[in-house]
């Protein structure tokens, strides 16, 4: 795949990922100033799981690294949101919701790792 096509497809996938984040985040609502932002949890954990499913496909050569770049860097990179996660942690801390800020930080980190590794294990097992 040419570099220009890779960049173009990654950009298109990124646009789709951003739209997907908006749709998915709107499916779950967060109420109150001290509530956990469930939309961010949803997109970040789905993104980690999807990345875990994709990784063995590249490792075994079932998809080329260019498609991994398009899907992981474009689609999933735009669907997930590190910066929003950080802002939400800071906002919770500024509102003195320190327990919720810690849950937001440590919970997404731990569950994100778990989602990735479980999906990776399942995907690798299915590939054989």
N, C-alpha and C. Protein backbone atom coordinates (compact mmCIF):
# COMPACT_ATOMS: atom_id res chain seq x y z
N UNK A 1 0.85 -1.18 0.00
CA UNK A 1 0.00 0.00 0.00
C UNK A 1 0.90 1.24 0.00
N UNK A 2 0.56 2.21 -0.81
CA UNK A 2 1.37 3.42 -0.89
C UNK A 2 1.20 4.26 0.38
N UNK A 3 2.20 5.04 0.73
CA UNK A 3 2.08 5.91 1.91
C UNK A 3 0.88 6.86 1.82
N UNK A 4 0.62 7.39 0.64
CA UNK A 4 -0.51 8.32 0.48
C UNK A 4 -1.85 7.62 0.74
N UNK A 5 -1.98 6.40 0.24
CA UNK A 5 -3.22 5.65 0.47
C UNK A 5 -3.35 5.28 1.95
N UNK A 6 -2.25 4.88 2.58
CA UNK A 6 -2.27 4.55 4.01
C UNK A 6 -2.72 5.75 4.83
N UNK A 7 -2.18 6.91 4.54
CA UNK A 7 -2.55 8.13 5.26
C UNK A 7 -4.03 8.46 5.03
N UNK A 8 -4.47 8.34 3.79
CA UNK A 8 -5.86 8.65 3.45
C UNK A 8 -6.82 7.70 4.16
N UNK A 9 -6.55 6.41 4.10
CA UNK A 9 -7.43 5.43 4.74
C UNK A 9 -7.41 5.56 6.27
N UNK A 10 -6.26 5.89 6.83
CA UNK A 10 -6.17 6.10 8.28
C UNK A 10 -6.98 7.33 8.68
N UNK A 11 -6.92 8.37 7.88
CA UNK A 11 -7.71 9.58 8.16
C UNK A 11 -9.21 9.32 8.07
N UNK A 12 -9.61 8.56 7.05
CA UNK A 12 -11.03 8.21 6.90
C UNK A 12 -11.49 7.36 8.08
N UNK A 13 -10.67 6.38 8.44
CA UNK A 13 -11.00 5.53 9.59
C UNK A 13 -11.07 6.36 10.86
N UNK A 14 -10.20 7.35 10.99
CA UNK A 14 -10.22 8.24 12.14
C UNK A 14 -11.52 9.02 12.22
N UNK A 15 -11.99 9.50 11.08
CA UNK A 15 -13.27 10.20 11.07
C UNK A 15 -14.42 9.29 11.49
N UNK A 16 -14.39 8.05 11.01
CA UNK A 16 -15.42 7.08 11.41
C UNK A 16 -15.32 6.76 12.90
N UNK A 17 -14.10 6.65 13.40
CA UNK A 17 -13.91 6.38 14.82
C UNK A 17 -14.42 7.50 15.70
N UNK A 18 -14.20 8.75 15.28
CA UNK A 18 -14.70 9.90 16.05
C UNK A 18 -16.23 9.91 16.06
N UNK A 19 -16.84 9.61 14.91
CA UNK A 19 -18.31 9.54 14.85
C UNK A 19 -18.83 8.39 15.72
N UNK A 20 -18.13 7.28 15.69
CA UNK A 20 -18.52 6.13 16.51
C UNK A 20 -18.44 6.47 17.99
N UNK A 21 -17.39 7.21 18.38
CA UNK A 21 -17.27 7.62 19.79
C UNK A 21 -18.47 8.47 20.20
N UNK A 22 -18.87 9.40 19.35
CA UNK A 22 -20.01 10.26 19.65
C UNK A 22 -21.27 9.43 19.83
N UNK A 23 -21.51 8.49 18.93
CA UNK A 23 -22.71 7.64 19.01
C UNK A 23 -22.67 6.77 20.26
N UNK A 24 -21.55 6.09 20.49
CA UNK A 24 -21.45 5.20 21.64
C UNK A 24 -21.56 5.95 22.97
N UNK A 25 -20.90 7.09 23.04
CA UNK A 25 -20.95 7.88 24.28
C UNK A 25 -22.35 8.37 24.57
N UNK A 26 -23.12 8.65 23.53
CA UNK A 26 -24.48 9.15 23.74
C UNK A 26 -25.43 8.04 24.21
N UNK A 27 -25.01 6.78 24.08
CA UNK A 27 -25.87 5.68 24.51
C UNK A 27 -25.95 5.55 26.03
N UNK A 28 -24.92 6.04 26.70
CA UNK A 28 -24.91 5.99 28.16
C UNK A 28 -24.81 7.42 28.67
N UNK A 29 -25.61 7.71 29.65
CA UNK A 29 -25.62 9.08 30.16
C UNK A 29 -24.95 9.14 31.51
N UNK A 30 -24.40 10.29 31.79
CA UNK A 30 -23.79 10.55 33.09
C UNK A 30 -24.63 11.63 33.75
N UNK A 31 -25.06 11.37 34.97
CA UNK A 31 -25.88 12.37 35.64
C UNK A 31 -25.17 12.88 36.88
N UNK A 32 -25.25 14.15 37.08
CA UNK A 32 -24.68 14.77 38.28
C UNK A 32 -23.22 15.11 38.12
N UNK A 33 -22.79 16.13 38.85
CA UNK A 33 -21.41 16.61 38.72
C UNK A 33 -20.37 15.64 39.28
N UNK A 34 -20.77 14.72 40.13
CA UNK A 34 -19.81 13.79 40.72
C UNK A 34 -19.94 12.38 40.19
N UNK A 35 -20.61 12.22 39.06
CA UNK A 35 -20.82 10.88 38.50
C UNK A 35 -19.65 10.49 37.61
N UNK A 36 -19.42 9.19 37.52
CA UNK A 36 -18.38 8.70 36.61
C UNK A 36 -18.85 8.88 35.17
N UNK A 37 -17.97 9.33 34.30
CA UNK A 37 -18.31 9.53 32.89
C UNK A 37 -18.37 8.20 32.14
N UNK A 38 -19.55 7.62 32.08
CA UNK A 38 -19.71 6.28 31.52
C UNK A 38 -19.42 6.19 30.04
N UNK A 39 -19.65 7.27 29.31
CA UNK A 39 -19.35 7.26 27.87
C UNK A 39 -17.87 7.03 27.60
N UNK A 40 -17.03 7.66 28.39
CA UNK A 40 -15.58 7.47 28.24
C UNK A 40 -15.19 6.05 28.60
N UNK A 41 -15.79 5.52 29.66
CA UNK A 41 -15.52 4.13 30.03
C UNK A 41 -15.89 3.21 28.88
N UNK A 42 -17.06 3.41 28.31
CA UNK A 42 -17.53 2.53 27.24
C UNK A 42 -16.59 2.54 26.04
N UNK A 43 -16.27 3.72 25.52
CA UNK A 43 -15.44 3.76 24.31
C UNK A 43 -14.02 3.28 24.58
N UNK A 44 -13.47 3.61 25.74
CA UNK A 44 -12.09 3.19 26.02
C UNK A 44 -11.99 1.68 26.23
N UNK A 45 -12.95 1.10 26.93
CA UNK A 45 -12.89 -0.35 27.16
C UNK A 45 -13.20 -1.13 25.88
N UNK A 46 -14.14 -0.65 25.08
CA UNK A 46 -14.39 -1.30 23.79
C UNK A 46 -13.16 -1.19 22.88
N UNK A 47 -12.51 -0.05 22.90
CA UNK A 47 -11.30 0.14 22.10
C UNK A 47 -10.18 -0.79 22.52
N UNK A 48 -10.00 -0.95 23.83
CA UNK A 48 -8.96 -1.87 24.32
C UNK A 48 -9.26 -3.31 23.90
N UNK A 49 -10.53 -3.71 24.04
CA UNK A 49 -10.90 -5.05 23.64
C UNK A 49 -10.73 -5.28 22.14
N UNK A 50 -11.13 -4.30 21.34
CA UNK A 50 -10.99 -4.42 19.89
C UNK A 50 -9.52 -4.50 19.49
N UNK A 51 -8.68 -3.73 20.15
CA UNK A 51 -7.25 -3.79 19.87
C UNK A 51 -6.68 -5.16 20.24
N UNK A 52 -7.17 -5.71 21.34
CA UNK A 52 -6.75 -7.06 21.73
C UNK A 52 -7.16 -8.11 20.72
N UNK A 53 -8.33 -7.94 20.10
CA UNK A 53 -8.77 -8.88 19.07
C UNK A 53 -7.93 -8.75 17.80
N UNK A 54 -7.55 -7.53 17.45
CA UNK A 54 -6.78 -7.29 16.23
C UNK A 54 -5.32 -7.74 16.32
N UNK A 55 -4.72 -7.58 17.47
CA UNK A 55 -3.27 -7.83 17.60
C UNK A 55 -2.83 -9.21 17.12
N UNK A 56 -3.50 -10.29 17.51
CA UNK A 56 -3.07 -11.61 17.02
C UNK A 56 -3.21 -11.76 15.51
N UNK A 57 -4.13 -11.02 14.91
CA UNK A 57 -4.28 -11.11 13.46
C UNK A 57 -3.04 -10.59 12.74
N UNK A 58 -2.43 -9.56 13.30
CA UNK A 58 -1.19 -9.03 12.72
C UNK A 58 -0.02 -9.94 13.07
N UNK A 59 0.02 -10.39 14.33
CA UNK A 59 1.12 -11.24 14.78
C UNK A 59 1.23 -12.52 13.97
N UNK A 60 0.10 -13.04 13.51
CA UNK A 60 0.10 -14.28 12.73
C UNK A 60 0.11 -14.03 11.23
N UNK A 61 0.06 -12.78 10.82
CA UNK A 61 0.09 -12.45 9.41
C UNK A 61 -1.25 -12.55 8.70
N UNK A 62 -2.34 -12.70 9.45
CA UNK A 62 -3.66 -12.77 8.81
C UNK A 62 -4.08 -11.42 8.24
N UNK A 63 -3.62 -10.34 8.82
CA UNK A 63 -3.80 -9.02 8.22
C UNK A 63 -2.44 -8.33 8.21
N UNK A 64 -2.23 -7.48 7.24
CA UNK A 64 -0.93 -6.80 7.14
C UNK A 64 -0.88 -5.64 8.12
N UNK A 65 0.31 -5.22 8.42
CA UNK A 65 0.50 -4.15 9.40
C UNK A 65 -0.13 -2.84 8.94
N UNK A 66 -0.28 -2.65 7.63
CA UNK A 66 -0.92 -1.42 7.16
C UNK A 66 -2.39 -1.38 7.59
N UNK A 67 -3.08 -2.51 7.55
CA UNK A 67 -4.48 -2.52 8.01
C UNK A 67 -4.56 -2.37 9.52
N UNK A 68 -3.57 -2.87 10.22
CA UNK A 68 -3.53 -2.65 11.67
C UNK A 68 -3.38 -1.16 11.95
N UNK A 69 -2.54 -0.48 11.19
CA UNK A 69 -2.37 0.97 11.35
C UNK A 69 -3.69 1.69 11.10
N UNK A 70 -4.38 1.32 10.04
CA UNK A 70 -5.65 1.95 9.69
C UNK A 70 -6.69 1.72 10.79
N UNK A 71 -6.81 0.48 11.23
CA UNK A 71 -7.85 0.14 12.21
C UNK A 71 -7.48 0.57 13.62
N UNK A 72 -6.24 0.30 14.03
CA UNK A 72 -5.84 0.64 15.40
C UNK A 72 -5.53 2.12 15.55
N UNK A 73 -4.75 2.65 14.64
CA UNK A 73 -4.36 4.06 14.73
C UNK A 73 -5.45 5.01 14.29
N UNK A 74 -6.20 4.62 13.27
CA UNK A 74 -7.25 5.48 12.76
C UNK A 74 -8.57 5.30 13.50
N UNK A 75 -9.22 4.16 13.26
CA UNK A 75 -10.55 3.92 13.81
C UNK A 75 -10.55 3.90 15.34
N UNK A 76 -9.75 3.01 15.93
CA UNK A 76 -9.77 2.86 17.38
C UNK A 76 -9.09 4.03 18.09
N UNK A 77 -8.06 4.59 17.45
CA UNK A 77 -7.39 5.74 18.04
C UNK A 77 -8.33 6.94 18.17
N UNK A 78 -9.20 7.12 17.20
CA UNK A 78 -10.16 8.22 17.26
C UNK A 78 -11.37 7.88 18.12
N UNK A 79 -11.71 6.60 18.17
CA UNK A 79 -12.87 6.21 18.98
C UNK A 79 -12.57 6.33 20.48
N UNK A 80 -11.37 5.96 20.86
CA UNK A 80 -10.99 6.04 22.27
C UNK A 80 -10.51 7.45 22.58
N UNK A 81 -10.37 7.77 23.85
CA UNK A 81 -10.06 9.15 24.18
C UNK A 81 -9.25 9.28 25.46
N UNK A 82 -7.95 9.36 25.30
CA UNK A 82 -7.05 9.53 26.43
C UNK A 82 -7.19 10.93 27.03
N UNK A 83 -7.25 11.94 26.18
CA UNK A 83 -7.30 13.31 26.69
C UNK A 83 -8.58 13.59 27.47
N UNK A 84 -9.71 13.10 26.98
CA UNK A 84 -10.97 13.29 27.72
C UNK A 84 -10.91 12.55 29.05
N UNK A 85 -10.32 11.38 29.06
CA UNK A 85 -10.15 10.61 30.29
C UNK A 85 -9.38 11.43 31.32
N UNK A 86 -8.29 12.06 30.89
CA UNK A 86 -7.48 12.87 31.80
C UNK A 86 -8.25 14.08 32.31
N UNK A 87 -8.95 14.78 31.41
CA UNK A 87 -9.74 15.95 31.83
C UNK A 87 -10.80 15.54 32.84
N UNK A 88 -11.44 14.42 32.62
CA UNK A 88 -12.48 13.96 33.55
C UNK A 88 -11.90 13.61 34.91
N UNK A 89 -10.72 13.05 34.94
CA UNK A 89 -10.07 12.76 36.22
C UNK A 89 -9.77 14.06 36.96
N UNK A 90 -9.19 15.02 36.27
CA UNK A 90 -8.87 16.32 36.89
C UNK A 90 -10.14 17.02 37.36
N UNK A 91 -11.19 16.98 36.54
CA UNK A 91 -12.45 17.63 36.90
C UNK A 91 -13.03 17.01 38.17
N UNK A 92 -13.03 15.69 38.25
CA UNK A 92 -13.53 15.02 39.46
C UNK A 92 -12.69 15.41 40.67
N UNK A 93 -11.39 15.46 40.51
CA UNK A 93 -10.50 15.83 41.63
C UNK A 93 -10.76 17.28 42.06
N UNK A 94 -10.93 18.17 41.10
CA UNK A 94 -11.20 19.58 41.44
C UNK A 94 -12.53 19.75 42.16
N UNK A 95 -13.46 18.86 41.90
CA UNK A 95 -14.76 18.90 42.57
C UNK A 95 -14.72 18.15 43.90
N UNK A 96 -13.54 17.76 44.29
CA UNK A 96 -13.30 17.04 45.56
C UNK A 96 -13.94 15.65 45.58
N UNK A 97 -14.20 15.11 44.40
CA UNK A 97 -14.71 13.74 44.29
C UNK A 97 -13.49 12.84 44.09
N UNK A 98 -12.65 12.79 45.12
CA UNK A 98 -11.35 12.12 44.99
C UNK A 98 -11.48 10.61 44.82
N UNK A 99 -12.46 10.02 45.47
CA UNK A 99 -12.66 8.57 45.31
C UNK A 99 -13.07 8.27 43.87
N UNK A 100 -13.98 9.07 43.32
CA UNK A 100 -14.39 8.87 41.94
C UNK A 100 -13.24 9.13 40.97
N UNK A 101 -12.41 10.13 41.26
CA UNK A 101 -11.25 10.41 40.42
C UNK A 101 -10.30 9.21 40.42
N UNK A 102 -10.09 8.61 41.59
CA UNK A 102 -9.23 7.43 41.68
C UNK A 102 -9.84 6.24 40.94
N UNK A 103 -11.15 6.07 41.08
CA UNK A 103 -11.84 4.99 40.35
C UNK A 103 -11.71 5.22 38.85
N UNK A 104 -11.88 6.47 38.41
CA UNK A 104 -11.75 6.80 36.99
C UNK A 104 -10.34 6.47 36.49
N UNK A 105 -9.34 6.83 37.26
CA UNK A 105 -7.96 6.60 36.84
C UNK A 105 -7.60 5.11 36.89
N UNK A 106 -7.72 4.52 38.06
CA UNK A 106 -7.27 3.14 38.24
C UNK A 106 -8.22 2.13 37.61
N UNK A 107 -9.51 2.43 37.66
CA UNK A 107 -10.50 1.51 37.11
C UNK A 107 -10.36 1.34 35.60
N UNK A 108 -10.27 2.46 34.88
CA UNK A 108 -10.13 2.35 33.43
C UNK A 108 -8.80 1.73 33.05
N UNK A 109 -7.77 2.05 33.81
CA UNK A 109 -6.46 1.47 33.52
C UNK A 109 -6.50 -0.05 33.70
N UNK A 110 -6.99 -0.51 34.84
CA UNK A 110 -7.03 -1.94 35.12
C UNK A 110 -7.98 -2.68 34.17
N UNK A 111 -9.17 -2.13 33.97
CA UNK A 111 -10.13 -2.80 33.10
C UNK A 111 -9.71 -2.73 31.64
N UNK A 112 -9.03 -1.66 31.26
CA UNK A 112 -8.51 -1.56 29.89
C UNK A 112 -7.48 -2.64 29.62
N UNK A 113 -6.55 -2.83 30.56
CA UNK A 113 -5.57 -3.92 30.42
C UNK A 113 -6.28 -5.27 30.36
N UNK A 114 -7.25 -5.47 31.24
CA UNK A 114 -7.98 -6.74 31.27
C UNK A 114 -8.72 -6.97 29.95
N UNK A 115 -9.39 -5.94 29.45
CA UNK A 115 -10.13 -6.08 28.18
C UNK A 115 -9.18 -6.44 27.04
N UNK A 116 -8.03 -5.78 26.99
CA UNK A 116 -7.06 -6.07 25.95
C UNK A 116 -6.58 -7.52 26.05
N UNK A 117 -6.13 -7.93 27.23
CA UNK A 117 -5.53 -9.25 27.36
C UNK A 117 -6.54 -10.38 27.20
N UNK A 118 -7.75 -10.20 27.68
CA UNK A 118 -8.78 -11.23 27.48
C UNK A 118 -9.11 -11.36 26.00
N UNK A 119 -9.31 -10.22 25.34
CA UNK A 119 -9.62 -10.26 23.90
C UNK A 119 -8.46 -10.83 23.10
N UNK A 120 -7.24 -10.48 23.48
CA UNK A 120 -6.04 -11.00 22.81
C UNK A 120 -5.99 -12.52 22.96
N UNK A 121 -6.22 -13.01 24.17
CA UNK A 121 -6.20 -14.44 24.44
C UNK A 121 -7.27 -15.16 23.62
N UNK A 122 -8.49 -14.61 23.59
CA UNK A 122 -9.59 -15.24 22.86
C UNK A 122 -9.28 -15.25 21.37
N UNK A 123 -8.81 -14.13 20.85
CA UNK A 123 -8.49 -14.03 19.43
C UNK A 123 -7.37 -15.01 19.05
N UNK A 124 -6.33 -15.06 19.86
CA UNK A 124 -5.21 -15.98 19.57
C UNK A 124 -5.68 -17.42 19.64
N UNK A 125 -6.55 -17.75 20.59
CA UNK A 125 -7.06 -19.11 20.72
C UNK A 125 -7.93 -19.49 19.51
N UNK A 126 -8.70 -18.54 19.02
CA UNK A 126 -9.55 -18.83 17.86
C UNK A 126 -8.73 -19.02 16.58
N UNK A 127 -7.62 -18.31 16.49
CA UNK A 127 -6.74 -18.44 15.33
C UNK A 127 -6.03 -19.79 15.36
N UNK A 128 -5.70 -20.20 16.59
CA UNK A 128 -5.06 -21.50 16.75
C UNK A 128 -3.61 -21.36 16.85
